[in-house]
Amino acid sequence: MDENFEYFLEKMGPSFDKQHVPLSSIERYRGKLPDQLLAYWKAHGWCGYADGLFWTVNPQEYEPVLESWIGDTPFMEQDAYHIIARGAFGDLYLWGEKTGDSLSIFAPGSYCFPTDSILIGEKMNLGVQAFFGLLSRDENDFADMFEDACQKLGRLKRDEMYGFFPALALGGPSTLDHLQKVKAIEHLVILAQFEPLRVATIPPV
């Protein structure tokens, strides 16, 4: 294990609700996603960290989410993207085959955050290491609500997330009383229908 992933585990804690990654999935993404990421999949599976605050996911399962959010946007013309991870409240982490760690989405607010990664080409494996090494709990803990949401609604399972009702895009308040545990993929697809994706430069807090 490299020091970046060790640091990631120090911050995020041990994994849980692990899903074994079959060889067919590793081969499906070989040449599309960096070998370092595939090595993490093989060693650690797709699973949750920090009691469900952050999840590594199967990009194939999240293809409907990807299509819903950027299918009709210029991003699809710039690169071939894959969702490799998500947060408890709907943060989506996309990896571009050419541009690496270059796009993330905050689904409840319909914001995206494009960046220019310098760790591309032959440096893609370093890009994966940096992605995990630089991740923090705070960037996935919307309004510092995660601990209270866990206590009130229970810990998330692999296919679940916390969603606001009414949705933030429809004017709903971002309060604990309006939070529910929902099926992640279905909810993320629905959120994409409410408001066009907007480009932002500063993540929501």
N, C-alpha and C. Protein backbone atom coordinates (compact mmCIF):
# COMPACT_ATOMS: atom_id res chain seq x y z
N MET A 1 0.84 -1.19 0.00
CA MET A 1 0.00 0.00 0.00
C MET A 1 0.89 1.26 0.00
N ASP A 2 0.55 2.24 -0.84
CA ASP A 2 1.37 3.44 -0.90
C ASP A 2 0.98 4.41 0.21
N GLU A 3 1.85 5.38 0.47
CA GLU A 3 1.65 6.28 1.60
C GLU A 3 0.44 7.17 1.42
N ASN A 4 0.05 7.47 0.18
CA ASN A 4 -1.12 8.30 -0.05
C ASN A 4 -2.39 7.59 0.39
N PHE A 5 -2.51 6.30 0.07
CA PHE A 5 -3.70 5.57 0.49
C PHE A 5 -3.68 5.30 1.98
N GLU A 6 -2.50 5.10 2.55
CA GLU A 6 -2.38 4.95 4.00
C GLU A 6 -2.88 6.21 4.70
N TYR A 7 -2.51 7.36 4.15
CA TYR A 7 -2.96 8.63 4.72
C TYR A 7 -4.47 8.78 4.57
N PHE A 8 -4.99 8.37 3.42
CA PHE A 8 -6.43 8.37 3.19
C PHE A 8 -7.15 7.55 4.27
N LEU A 9 -6.63 6.36 4.57
CA LEU A 9 -7.25 5.50 5.58
C LEU A 9 -7.12 6.10 6.98
N GLU A 10 -6.03 6.78 7.25
CA GLU A 10 -5.87 7.44 8.54
C GLU A 10 -6.96 8.49 8.75
N LYS A 11 -7.28 9.21 7.67
CA LYS A 11 -8.29 10.26 7.77
C LYS A 11 -9.71 9.71 7.74
N MET A 12 -9.94 8.73 6.89
CA MET A 12 -11.30 8.26 6.62
C MET A 12 -11.69 7.00 7.38
N GLY A 13 -10.70 6.33 7.97
CA GLY A 13 -11.01 5.14 8.74
C GLY A 13 -11.10 3.90 7.88
N PRO A 14 -11.29 2.73 8.52
CA PRO A 14 -11.34 1.47 7.79
C PRO A 14 -12.59 1.38 6.91
N SER A 15 -12.50 0.54 5.90
CA SER A 15 -13.63 0.36 4.98
C SER A 15 -14.70 -0.53 5.60
N PHE A 16 -15.91 -0.48 5.02
CA PHE A 16 -16.99 -1.38 5.42
C PHE A 16 -17.92 -1.59 4.23
N ASP A 17 -18.80 -2.55 4.36
CA ASP A 17 -19.76 -2.88 3.30
C ASP A 17 -19.04 -3.07 1.96
N LYS A 18 -17.99 -3.86 2.02
CA LYS A 18 -17.14 -4.06 0.85
C LYS A 18 -17.80 -4.94 -0.20
N GLN A 19 -17.68 -4.52 -1.45
CA GLN A 19 -18.12 -5.31 -2.59
C GLN A 19 -16.89 -5.74 -3.38
N HIS A 20 -16.69 -7.04 -3.51
CA HIS A 20 -15.55 -7.55 -4.27
C HIS A 20 -15.65 -7.10 -5.72
N VAL A 21 -14.53 -6.69 -6.29
CA VAL A 21 -14.48 -6.25 -7.69
C VAL A 21 -14.07 -7.43 -8.56
N PRO A 22 -14.96 -7.90 -9.42
CA PRO A 22 -14.62 -9.05 -10.26
C PRO A 22 -13.55 -8.70 -11.29
N LEU A 23 -12.83 -9.70 -11.72
CA LEU A 23 -11.78 -9.50 -12.73
C LEU A 23 -12.36 -8.90 -14.01
N SER A 24 -13.60 -9.26 -14.33
CA SER A 24 -14.22 -8.72 -15.55
C SER A 24 -14.36 -7.20 -15.49
N SER A 25 -14.62 -6.67 -14.30
CA SER A 25 -14.73 -5.22 -14.15
C SER A 25 -13.37 -4.55 -14.27
N ILE A 26 -12.35 -5.18 -13.68
CA ILE A 26 -11.01 -4.63 -13.78
C ILE A 26 -10.56 -4.59 -15.24
N GLU A 27 -10.84 -5.67 -15.97
CA GLU A 27 -10.45 -5.71 -17.39
C GLU A 27 -11.29 -4.76 -18.23
N ARG A 28 -12.54 -4.53 -17.83
CA ARG A 28 -13.42 -3.62 -18.55
C ARG A 28 -12.84 -2.20 -18.57
N TYR A 29 -12.19 -1.83 -17.48
CA TYR A 29 -11.69 -0.46 -17.36
C TYR A 29 -10.18 -0.34 -17.54
N ARG A 30 -9.53 -1.45 -17.85
CA ARG A 30 -8.10 -1.38 -18.09
C ARG A 30 -7.84 -0.56 -19.37
N GLY A 31 -6.97 0.42 -19.28
CA GLY A 31 -6.71 1.31 -20.39
C GLY A 31 -7.63 2.52 -20.42
N LYS A 32 -8.71 2.48 -19.62
CA LYS A 32 -9.62 3.62 -19.51
C LYS A 32 -9.40 4.37 -18.20
N LEU A 33 -9.17 3.61 -17.14
CA LEU A 33 -8.86 4.18 -15.84
C LEU A 33 -7.44 3.77 -15.45
N PRO A 34 -6.76 4.55 -14.64
CA PRO A 34 -5.36 4.27 -14.32
C PRO A 34 -5.17 2.92 -13.61
N ASP A 35 -4.04 2.30 -13.88
CA ASP A 35 -3.73 1.02 -13.24
C ASP A 35 -3.73 1.13 -11.72
N GLN A 36 -3.33 2.29 -11.20
CA GLN A 36 -3.30 2.47 -9.75
C GLN A 36 -4.70 2.35 -9.15
N LEU A 37 -5.69 2.91 -9.82
CA LEU A 37 -7.07 2.79 -9.34
C LEU A 37 -7.54 1.35 -9.39
N LEU A 38 -7.22 0.66 -10.48
CA LEU A 38 -7.60 -0.75 -10.59
C LEU A 38 -6.93 -1.58 -9.51
N ALA A 39 -5.71 -1.22 -9.13
CA ALA A 39 -5.02 -1.92 -8.05
C ALA A 39 -5.73 -1.68 -6.72
N TYR A 40 -6.19 -0.46 -6.50
CA TYR A 40 -6.97 -0.18 -5.28
C TYR A 40 -8.25 -1.00 -5.27
N TRP A 41 -8.92 -1.07 -6.41
CA TRP A 41 -10.13 -1.88 -6.50
C TRP A 41 -9.85 -3.33 -6.11
N LYS A 42 -8.78 -3.87 -6.68
CA LYS A 42 -8.45 -5.27 -6.44
C LYS A 42 -8.13 -5.52 -4.97
N ALA A 43 -7.44 -4.59 -4.34
CA ALA A 43 -7.02 -4.76 -2.95
C ALA A 43 -8.12 -4.44 -1.95
N HIS A 44 -8.96 -3.45 -2.27
CA HIS A 44 -9.91 -2.95 -1.27
C HIS A 44 -11.37 -3.08 -1.67
N GLY A 45 -11.64 -3.39 -2.93
CA GLY A 45 -13.03 -3.48 -3.39
C GLY A 45 -13.67 -2.11 -3.53
N TRP A 46 -14.96 -2.14 -3.82
CA TRP A 46 -15.78 -0.93 -3.79
C TRP A 46 -16.45 -0.91 -2.43
N CYS A 47 -16.32 0.18 -1.69
CA CYS A 47 -16.78 0.14 -0.31
C CYS A 47 -16.97 1.55 0.25
N GLY A 48 -17.43 1.59 1.50
CA GLY A 48 -17.64 2.84 2.19
C GLY A 48 -16.52 3.13 3.18
N TYR A 49 -16.33 4.41 3.43
CA TYR A 49 -15.35 4.87 4.41
C TYR A 49 -15.99 5.94 5.28
N ALA A 50 -15.38 6.19 6.44
CA ALA A 50 -15.86 7.23 7.36
C ALA A 50 -17.34 7.03 7.68
N ASP A 51 -17.71 5.79 7.99
CA ASP A 51 -19.09 5.45 8.36
C ASP A 51 -20.10 5.74 7.25
N GLY A 52 -19.62 5.80 6.00
CA GLY A 52 -20.53 6.02 4.88
C GLY A 52 -20.50 7.42 4.32
N LEU A 53 -19.58 8.24 4.80
CA LEU A 53 -19.46 9.60 4.28
C LEU A 53 -18.92 9.61 2.85
N PHE A 54 -18.06 8.64 2.52
CA PHE A 54 -17.42 8.57 1.20
C PHE A 54 -17.44 7.12 0.72
N TRP A 55 -17.69 6.94 -0.58
CA TRP A 55 -17.79 5.60 -1.17
C TRP A 55 -17.02 5.52 -2.48
N THR A 56 -16.28 4.44 -2.66
CA THR A 56 -15.79 4.11 -3.99
C THR A 56 -16.86 3.25 -4.66
N VAL A 57 -17.07 3.43 -5.96
CA VAL A 57 -18.21 2.80 -6.62
C VAL A 57 -17.81 2.14 -7.93
N ASN A 58 -18.71 1.30 -8.40
CA ASN A 58 -18.58 0.65 -9.69
C ASN A 58 -19.03 1.64 -10.78
N PRO A 59 -18.14 2.13 -11.62
CA PRO A 59 -18.55 3.10 -12.64
C PRO A 59 -19.64 2.58 -13.56
N GLN A 60 -19.65 1.29 -13.81
CA GLN A 60 -20.67 0.73 -14.70
C GLN A 60 -22.07 0.90 -14.10
N GLU A 61 -22.21 0.70 -12.79
CA GLU A 61 -23.50 0.89 -12.14
C GLU A 61 -23.95 2.34 -12.21
N TYR A 62 -22.99 3.25 -12.24
CA TYR A 62 -23.31 4.67 -12.21
C TYR A 62 -23.38 5.32 -13.59
N GLU A 63 -23.37 4.51 -14.63
CA GLU A 63 -23.50 5.07 -15.98
C GLU A 63 -24.82 5.83 -16.18
N PRO A 64 -25.97 5.36 -15.63
CA PRO A 64 -27.19 6.16 -15.76
C PRO A 64 -27.08 7.52 -15.08
N VAL A 65 -26.35 7.58 -13.97
CA VAL A 65 -26.14 8.86 -13.28
C VAL A 65 -25.27 9.77 -14.12
N LEU A 66 -24.20 9.22 -14.67
CA LEU A 66 -23.30 9.98 -15.53
C LEU A 66 -24.05 10.57 -16.72
N GLU A 67 -24.84 9.74 -17.37
CA GLU A 67 -25.60 10.18 -18.54
C GLU A 67 -26.62 11.24 -18.16
N SER A 68 -27.25 11.09 -17.03
CA SER A 68 -28.27 12.06 -16.60
C SER A 68 -27.67 13.43 -16.34
N TRP A 69 -26.46 13.47 -15.80
CA TRP A 69 -25.87 14.74 -15.41
C TRP A 69 -25.08 15.43 -16.53
N ILE A 70 -24.32 14.69 -17.31
CA ILE A 70 -23.47 15.38 -18.31
C ILE A 70 -23.72 14.88 -19.74
N GLY A 71 -24.72 14.03 -19.92
CA GLY A 71 -24.97 13.47 -21.24
C GLY A 71 -25.26 14.50 -22.31
N ASP A 72 -25.91 15.60 -21.93
CA ASP A 72 -26.26 16.65 -22.89
C ASP A 72 -25.44 17.92 -22.68
N THR A 73 -24.24 17.75 -22.14
CA THR A 73 -23.39 18.92 -21.88
C THR A 73 -22.11 18.83 -22.71
N PRO A 74 -21.39 19.94 -22.84
CA PRO A 74 -20.12 19.92 -23.59
C PRO A 74 -19.06 19.01 -22.96
N PHE A 75 -19.23 18.65 -21.69
CA PHE A 75 -18.23 17.80 -21.05
C PHE A 75 -18.08 16.46 -21.77
N MET A 76 -19.18 15.95 -22.30
CA MET A 76 -19.14 14.65 -22.98
C MET A 76 -18.34 14.73 -24.28
N GLU A 77 -18.19 15.94 -24.81
CA GLU A 77 -17.40 16.12 -26.02
C GLU A 77 -15.91 16.30 -25.70
N GLN A 78 -15.62 16.64 -24.45
CA GLN A 78 -14.24 16.91 -24.06
C GLN A 78 -13.49 15.64 -23.68
N ASP A 79 -14.21 14.67 -23.11
CA ASP A 79 -13.53 13.48 -22.60
C ASP A 79 -14.55 12.38 -22.37
N ALA A 80 -14.05 11.17 -22.12
CA ALA A 80 -14.89 10.06 -21.68
C ALA A 80 -14.74 9.95 -20.18
N TYR A 81 -15.84 10.21 -19.45
CA TYR A 81 -15.80 10.26 -17.99
C TYR A 81 -16.38 9.00 -17.37
N HIS A 82 -15.93 8.73 -16.15
CA HIS A 82 -16.45 7.62 -15.36
C HIS A 82 -16.57 8.10 -13.91
N ILE A 83 -17.69 7.77 -13.27
CA ILE A 83 -17.86 8.09 -11.86
C ILE A 83 -17.14 7.03 -11.05
N ILE A 84 -16.17 7.45 -10.25
CA ILE A 84 -15.36 6.49 -9.49
C ILE A 84 -15.65 6.54 -8.00
N ALA A 85 -16.33 7.59 -7.53
CA ALA A 85 -16.61 7.71 -6.10
C ALA A 85 -17.74 8.70 -5.90
N ARG A 86 -18.32 8.66 -4.70
CA ARG A 86 -19.39 9.60 -4.36
C ARG A 86 -19.40 9.84 -2.85
N GLY A 87 -20.09 10.91 -2.46
CA GLY A 87 -20.24 11.24 -1.05
C GLY A 87 -21.64 10.91 -0.56
N ALA A 88 -21.84 11.03 0.74
CA ALA A 88 -23.11 10.67 1.37
C ALA A 88 -24.27 11.56 0.95
N PHE A 89 -23.97 12.81 0.57
CA PHE A 89 -25.02 13.75 0.22
C PHE A 89 -25.15 13.98 -1.29
N GLY A 90 -24.34 13.30 -2.08
CA GLY A 90 -24.48 13.43 -3.53
C GLY A 90 -23.33 14.12 -4.22
N ASP A 91 -22.16 14.18 -3.57
CA ASP A 91 -20.96 14.62 -4.28
C ASP A 91 -20.53 13.49 -5.21
N LEU A 92 -20.28 13.80 -6.47
CA LEU A 92 -19.87 12.82 -7.46
C LEU A 92 -18.47 13.14 -7.96
N TYR A 93 -17.62 12.14 -7.99
CA TYR A 93 -16.24 12.32 -8.45
C TYR A 93 -16.06 11.61 -9.78
N LEU A 94 -15.80 12.39 -10.82
CA LEU A 94 -15.65 11.87 -12.17
C LEU A 94 -14.18 11.82 -12.56
N TRP A 95 -13.83 10.77 -13.30
CA TRP A 95 -12.46 10.64 -13.80
C TRP A 95 -12.50 10.62 -15.32
N GLY A 96 -11.75 11.52 -15.92
CA GLY A 96 -11.68 11.57 -17.38
C GLY A 96 -10.54 10.72 -17.91
N GLU A 97 -10.80 9.97 -18.97
CA GLU A 97 -9.76 9.10 -19.51
C GLU A 97 -8.54 9.88 -19.98
N LYS A 98 -8.75 11.12 -20.44
CA LYS A 98 -7.64 11.97 -20.88
C LYS A 98 -7.29 13.03 -19.84
N THR A 99 -8.28 13.48 -19.07
CA THR A 99 -8.09 14.64 -18.20
C THR A 99 -8.00 14.28 -16.72
N GLY A 100 -8.12 13.01 -16.38
CA GLY A 100 -7.94 12.56 -15.01
C GLY A 100 -8.97 13.14 -14.04
N ASP A 101 -8.48 13.57 -12.87
CA ASP A 101 -9.33 14.12 -11.82
C ASP A 101 -9.68 15.55 -12.18
N SER A 102 -10.66 15.70 -13.07
CA SER A 102 -10.91 17.02 -13.66
C SER A 102 -12.34 17.51 -13.53
N LEU A 103 -13.22 16.72 -12.88
CA LEU A 103 -14.62 17.15 -12.80
C LEU A 103 -15.29 16.49 -11.61
N SER A 104 -15.97 17.31 -10.81
CA SER A 104 -16.80 16.80 -9.73
C SER A 104 -18.14 17.51 -9.77
N ILE A 105 -19.15 16.90 -9.19
CA ILE A 105 -20.51 17.43 -9.22
C ILE A 105 -21.10 17.37 -7.81
N PHE A 106 -21.75 18.45 -7.41
CA PHE A 106 -22.55 18.43 -6.19
C PHE A 106 -24.00 18.35 -6.62
N ALA A 107 -24.54 17.13 -6.65
CA ALA A 107 -25.85 16.89 -7.25
C ALA A 107 -27.00 17.65 -6.59
N PRO A 108 -27.09 17.73 -5.27
CA PRO A 108 -28.23 18.44 -4.68
C PRO A 108 -28.34 19.90 -5.11
N GLY A 109 -27.22 20.54 -5.39
CA GLY A 109 -27.23 21.93 -5.81
C GLY A 109 -27.08 22.14 -7.29
N SER A 110 -26.93 21.04 -8.06
CA SER A 110 -26.75 21.09 -9.52
C SER A 110 -25.53 21.93 -9.92
N TYR A 111 -24.45 21.78 -9.14
CA TYR A 111 -23.20 22.47 -9.45
C TYR A 111 -22.15 21.47 -9.91
N CYS A 112 -21.28 21.90 -10.82
CA CYS A 112 -20.12 21.10 -11.17
C CYS A 112 -18.87 21.95 -11.01
N PHE A 113 -17.76 21.27 -10.79
CA PHE A 113 -16.50 21.95 -10.51
C PHE A 113 -15.41 21.39 -11.42
N PRO A 114 -15.26 21.95 -12.62
CA PRO A 114 -14.19 21.50 -13.51
C PRO A 114 -12.84 22.05 -13.06
N THR A 115 -11.81 21.23 -13.17
CA THR A 115 -10.46 21.65 -12.83
C THR A 115 -9.50 21.15 -13.90
N ASP A 116 -8.33 21.73 -13.93
CA ASP A 116 -7.29 21.31 -14.87
C ASP A 116 -6.22 20.56 -14.09
N SER A 117 -6.24 19.24 -14.19
CA SER A 117 -5.24 18.44 -13.50
C SER A 117 -3.96 18.39 -14.33
N ILE A 118 -2.83 18.51 -13.64
CA ILE A 118 -1.54 18.38 -14.33
C ILE A 118 -1.06 16.94 -14.31
N LEU A 119 -1.76 16.09 -13.54
CA LEU A 119 -1.35 14.69 -13.42
C LEU A 119 -2.12 13.85 -14.43
N ILE A 120 -1.75 14.02 -15.68
CA ILE A 120 -2.41 13.30 -16.78
C ILE A 120 -1.34 12.56 -17.58
N GLY A 121 -1.79 11.83 -18.59
CA GLY A 121 -0.84 11.09 -19.40
C GLY A 121 -0.09 10.06 -18.58
N GLU A 122 1.22 10.10 -18.62
CA GLU A 122 2.04 9.15 -17.87
C GLU A 122 1.97 9.36 -16.36
N LYS A 123 1.38 10.49 -15.94
CA LYS A 123 1.28 10.79 -14.51
C LYS A 123 -0.08 10.43 -13.91
N MET A 124 -0.90 9.70 -14.67
CA MET A 124 -2.24 9.37 -14.21
C MET A 124 -2.24 8.59 -12.89
N ASN A 125 -1.30 7.66 -12.73
CA ASN A 125 -1.25 6.88 -11.49
C ASN A 125 -0.96 7.78 -10.30
N LEU A 126 -0.09 8.76 -10.50
CA LEU A 126 0.15 9.74 -9.45
C LEU A 126 -1.11 10.56 -9.17
N GLY A 127 -1.88 10.79 -10.22
CA GLY A 127 -3.14 11.51 -10.05
C GLY A 127 -4.11 10.78 -9.15
N VAL A 128 -4.18 9.45 -9.30
CA VAL A 128 -5.04 8.64 -8.44
C VAL A 128 -4.55 8.69 -7.00
N GLN A 129 -3.25 8.57 -6.81
CA GLN A 129 -2.70 8.64 -5.46
C GLN A 129 -3.00 9.99 -4.82
N ALA A 130 -2.86 11.06 -5.60
CA ALA A 130 -3.14 12.39 -5.09
C ALA A 130 -4.62 12.56 -4.77
N PHE A 131 -5.48 12.00 -5.60
CA PHE A 131 -6.93 12.10 -5.38
C PHE A 131 -7.29 11.56 -4.00
N PHE A 132 -6.81 10.36 -3.68
CA PHE A 132 -7.15 9.78 -2.38
C PHE A 132 -6.40 10.48 -1.24
N GLY A 133 -5.14 10.82 -1.48
CA GLY A 133 -4.35 11.44 -0.43
C GLY A 133 -4.87 12.80 -0.02
N LEU A 134 -5.49 13.52 -0.95
CA LEU A 134 -5.96 14.88 -0.67
C LEU A 134 -7.42 14.94 -0.23
N LEU A 135 -8.14 13.83 -0.31
CA LEU A 135 -9.54 13.83 0.10
C LEU A 135 -9.67 14.16 1.59
N SER A 136 -10.73 14.88 1.92
CA SER A 136 -10.99 15.18 3.32
C SER A 136 -12.45 14.88 3.67
N ARG A 137 -12.69 14.69 4.94
CA ARG A 137 -14.07 14.49 5.39
C ARG A 137 -14.92 15.73 5.12
N ASP A 138 -14.34 16.89 5.35
CA ASP A 138 -15.11 18.13 5.26
C ASP A 138 -15.74 18.34 3.89
N GLU A 139 -15.02 17.97 2.83
CA GLU A 139 -15.55 18.25 1.50
C GLU A 139 -16.76 17.40 1.14
N ASN A 140 -17.00 16.32 1.91
CA ASN A 140 -18.18 15.48 1.68
C ASN A 140 -19.26 15.68 2.74
N ASP A 141 -18.94 16.42 3.80
CA ASP A 141 -19.87 16.60 4.92
C ASP A 141 -20.63 17.90 4.74
N PHE A 142 -21.70 17.85 3.97
CA PHE A 142 -22.47 19.05 3.65
C PHE A 142 -23.03 19.68 4.92
N ALA A 143 -22.67 20.94 5.15
CA ALA A 143 -23.16 21.73 6.28
C ALA A 143 -22.92 21.03 7.62
N ASP A 144 -21.89 20.19 7.69
CA ASP A 144 -21.55 19.46 8.92
C ASP A 144 -22.73 18.66 9.46
N MET A 145 -23.51 18.07 8.55
CA MET A 145 -24.73 17.38 8.95
C MET A 145 -24.57 15.87 9.06
N PHE A 146 -23.42 15.34 8.66
CA PHE A 146 -23.32 13.89 8.52
C PHE A 146 -23.51 13.14 9.84
N GLU A 147 -22.84 13.57 10.88
CA GLU A 147 -22.93 12.86 12.15
C GLU A 147 -24.37 12.86 12.67
N ASP A 148 -25.04 13.99 12.58
CA ASP A 148 -26.44 14.06 13.03
C ASP A 148 -27.35 13.21 12.15
N ALA A 149 -27.06 13.20 10.84
CA ALA A 149 -27.87 12.39 9.93
C ALA A 149 -27.71 10.90 10.25
N CYS A 150 -26.48 10.48 10.54
CA CYS A 150 -26.23 9.09 10.92
C CYS A 150 -27.01 8.72 12.17
N GLN A 151 -27.00 9.59 13.16
CA GLN A 151 -27.69 9.30 14.41
C GLN A 151 -29.19 9.24 14.23
N LYS A 152 -29.72 10.12 13.39
CA LYS A 152 -31.17 10.18 13.20
C LYS A 152 -31.69 9.11 12.24
N LEU A 153 -30.97 8.92 11.12
CA LEU A 153 -31.48 8.06 10.04
C LEU A 153 -30.78 6.72 9.95
N GLY A 154 -29.66 6.57 10.63
CA GLY A 154 -28.91 5.32 10.55
C GLY A 154 -27.80 5.38 9.52
N ARG A 155 -26.82 4.50 9.69
CA ARG A 155 -25.69 4.46 8.78
C ARG A 155 -26.12 3.99 7.39
N LEU A 156 -25.52 4.59 6.38
CA LEU A 156 -25.86 4.26 5.00
C LEU A 156 -25.35 2.88 4.60
N LYS A 157 -26.08 2.24 3.71
CA LYS A 157 -25.61 1.03 3.04
C LYS A 157 -24.99 1.43 1.70
N ARG A 158 -24.42 0.44 1.05
CA ARG A 158 -23.66 0.69 -0.18
C ARG A 158 -24.49 1.39 -1.26
N ASP A 159 -25.78 1.13 -1.31
CA ASP A 159 -26.62 1.69 -2.37
C ASP A 159 -27.47 2.86 -1.89
N GLU A 160 -27.09 3.47 -0.76
CA GLU A 160 -27.90 4.54 -0.18
C GLU A 160 -27.14 5.85 -0.04
N MET A 161 -27.90 6.94 0.08
CA MET A 161 -27.35 8.26 0.35
C MET A 161 -28.39 9.04 1.14
N TYR A 162 -28.04 10.23 1.60
CA TYR A 162 -28.98 11.12 2.25
C TYR A 162 -29.46 12.15 1.24
N GLY A 163 -30.78 12.31 1.14
CA GLY A 163 -31.36 13.25 0.19
C GLY A 163 -32.32 14.21 0.86
N PHE A 164 -32.39 15.42 0.34
CA PHE A 164 -33.28 16.45 0.89
C PHE A 164 -34.65 16.39 0.22
N PHE A 165 -35.69 16.56 1.03
CA PHE A 165 -37.07 16.59 0.53
C PHE A 165 -37.80 17.76 1.18
N PRO A 166 -38.29 18.72 0.38
CA PRO A 166 -38.13 18.84 -1.07
C PRO A 166 -36.65 19.03 -1.44
N ALA A 167 -36.33 18.72 -2.69
CA ALA A 167 -34.95 18.86 -3.16
C ALA A 167 -34.49 20.31 -3.08
N LEU A 168 -33.21 20.50 -2.85
CA LEU A 168 -32.67 21.86 -2.77
C LEU A 168 -32.93 22.63 -4.06
N ALA A 169 -32.87 21.94 -5.18
CA ALA A 169 -33.10 22.58 -6.48
C ALA A 169 -34.53 23.08 -6.63
N LEU A 170 -35.44 22.54 -5.81
CA LEU A 170 -36.84 22.97 -5.85
C LEU A 170 -37.16 23.95 -4.74
N GLY A 171 -36.13 24.42 -4.07
CA GLY A 171 -36.33 25.40 -3.02
C GLY A 171 -36.44 24.83 -1.63
N GLY A 172 -36.18 23.54 -1.48
CA GLY A 172 -36.26 22.91 -0.17
C GLY A 172 -35.15 23.39 0.75
N PRO A 173 -35.40 23.38 2.07
CA PRO A 173 -34.37 23.83 3.02
C PRO A 173 -33.32 22.75 3.27
N SER A 174 -32.11 23.18 3.51
CA SER A 174 -31.02 22.24 3.78
C SER A 174 -30.90 22.00 5.28
N THR A 175 -31.94 21.39 5.86
CA THR A 175 -31.98 21.13 7.29
C THR A 175 -32.12 19.64 7.54
N LEU A 176 -31.73 19.23 8.73
CA LEU A 176 -31.78 17.82 9.10
C LEU A 176 -33.20 17.26 9.03
N ASP A 177 -34.18 18.07 9.39
CA ASP A 177 -35.58 17.62 9.40
C ASP A 177 -36.08 17.26 8.00
N HIS A 178 -35.42 17.78 6.98
CA HIS A 178 -35.86 17.52 5.61
C HIS A 178 -34.95 16.51 4.90
N LEU A 179 -34.20 15.76 5.68
CA LEU A 179 -33.27 14.78 5.11
C LEU A 179 -33.85 13.38 5.27
N GLN A 180 -33.69 12.56 4.22
CA GLN A 180 -34.16 11.17 4.24
C GLN A 180 -33.08 10.26 3.67
N LYS A 181 -33.14 9.00 4.05
CA LYS A 181 -32.26 8.01 3.46
C LYS A 181 -32.93 7.49 2.19
N VAL A 182 -32.20 7.50 1.06
CA VAL A 182 -32.78 7.13 -0.23
C VAL A 182 -31.81 6.23 -1.00
N LYS A 183 -32.33 5.58 -2.03
CA LYS A 183 -31.48 4.81 -2.94
C LYS A 183 -30.64 5.77 -3.78
N ALA A 184 -29.35 5.58 -3.76
CA ALA A 184 -28.44 6.57 -4.32
C ALA A 184 -28.61 6.78 -5.82
N ILE A 185 -28.51 5.72 -6.60
CA ILE A 185 -28.53 5.87 -8.06
C ILE A 185 -29.85 6.47 -8.52
N GLU A 186 -30.95 5.95 -8.01
CA GLU A 186 -32.27 6.46 -8.42
C GLU A 186 -32.43 7.93 -8.06
N HIS A 187 -32.00 8.29 -6.86
CA HIS A 187 -32.16 9.67 -6.41
C HIS A 187 -31.28 10.62 -7.22
N LEU A 188 -30.06 10.20 -7.51
CA LEU A 188 -29.15 11.05 -8.29
C LEU A 188 -29.68 11.29 -9.70
N VAL A 189 -30.29 10.27 -10.29
CA VAL A 189 -30.87 10.43 -11.62
C VAL A 189 -32.04 11.42 -11.57
N ILE A 190 -32.86 11.31 -10.53
CA ILE A 190 -34.00 12.22 -10.39
C ILE A 190 -33.53 13.66 -10.19
N LEU A 191 -32.52 13.85 -9.36
CA LEU A 191 -32.02 15.22 -9.11
C LEU A 191 -31.56 15.90 -10.40
N ALA A 192 -31.04 15.13 -11.32
CA ALA A 192 -30.53 15.70 -12.57
C ALA A 192 -31.64 16.30 -13.43
N GLN A 193 -32.90 15.93 -13.15
CA GLN A 193 -34.01 16.41 -13.96
C GLN A 193 -34.52 17.78 -13.52
N PHE A 194 -34.14 18.22 -12.31
CA PHE A 194 -34.76 19.40 -11.74
C PHE A 194 -34.18 20.72 -12.24
N GLU A 195 -32.89 20.74 -12.48
CA GLU A 195 -32.24 22.01 -12.81
C GLU A 195 -31.00 21.73 -13.66
N PRO A 196 -30.71 22.57 -14.65
CA PRO A 196 -29.52 22.36 -15.48
C PRO A 196 -28.25 22.45 -14.64
N LEU A 197 -27.25 21.69 -15.01
CA LEU A 197 -25.96 21.70 -14.32
C LEU A 197 -25.28 23.05 -14.54
N ARG A 198 -24.82 23.65 -13.45
CA ARG A 198 -24.16 24.94 -13.51
C ARG A 198 -22.70 24.81 -13.09
N VAL A 199 -21.84 25.57 -13.72
CA VAL A 199 -20.43 25.55 -13.39
C VAL A 199 -20.17 26.50 -12.22
N ALA A 200 -19.48 25.98 -11.21
CA ALA A 200 -19.12 26.78 -10.05
C ALA A 200 -17.61 26.66 -9.83
N THR A 201 -17.08 27.54 -9.04
CA THR A 201 -15.65 27.52 -8.75
C THR A 201 -15.36 27.24 -7.29
N ILE A 202 -16.33 27.51 -6.41
CA ILE A 202 -16.13 27.29 -4.98
C ILE A 202 -17.17 26.29 -4.50
N PRO A 203 -16.74 25.15 -3.91
CA PRO A 203 -17.69 24.14 -3.44
C PRO A 203 -18.64 24.72 -2.37
N PRO A 204 -19.87 24.18 -2.28
CA PRO A 204 -20.80 24.63 -1.26
C PRO A 204 -20.35 24.20 0.12
N VAL A 205 -20.77 24.90 1.15
CA VAL A 205 -20.42 24.55 2.53
C VAL A 205 -21.67 24.35 3.35
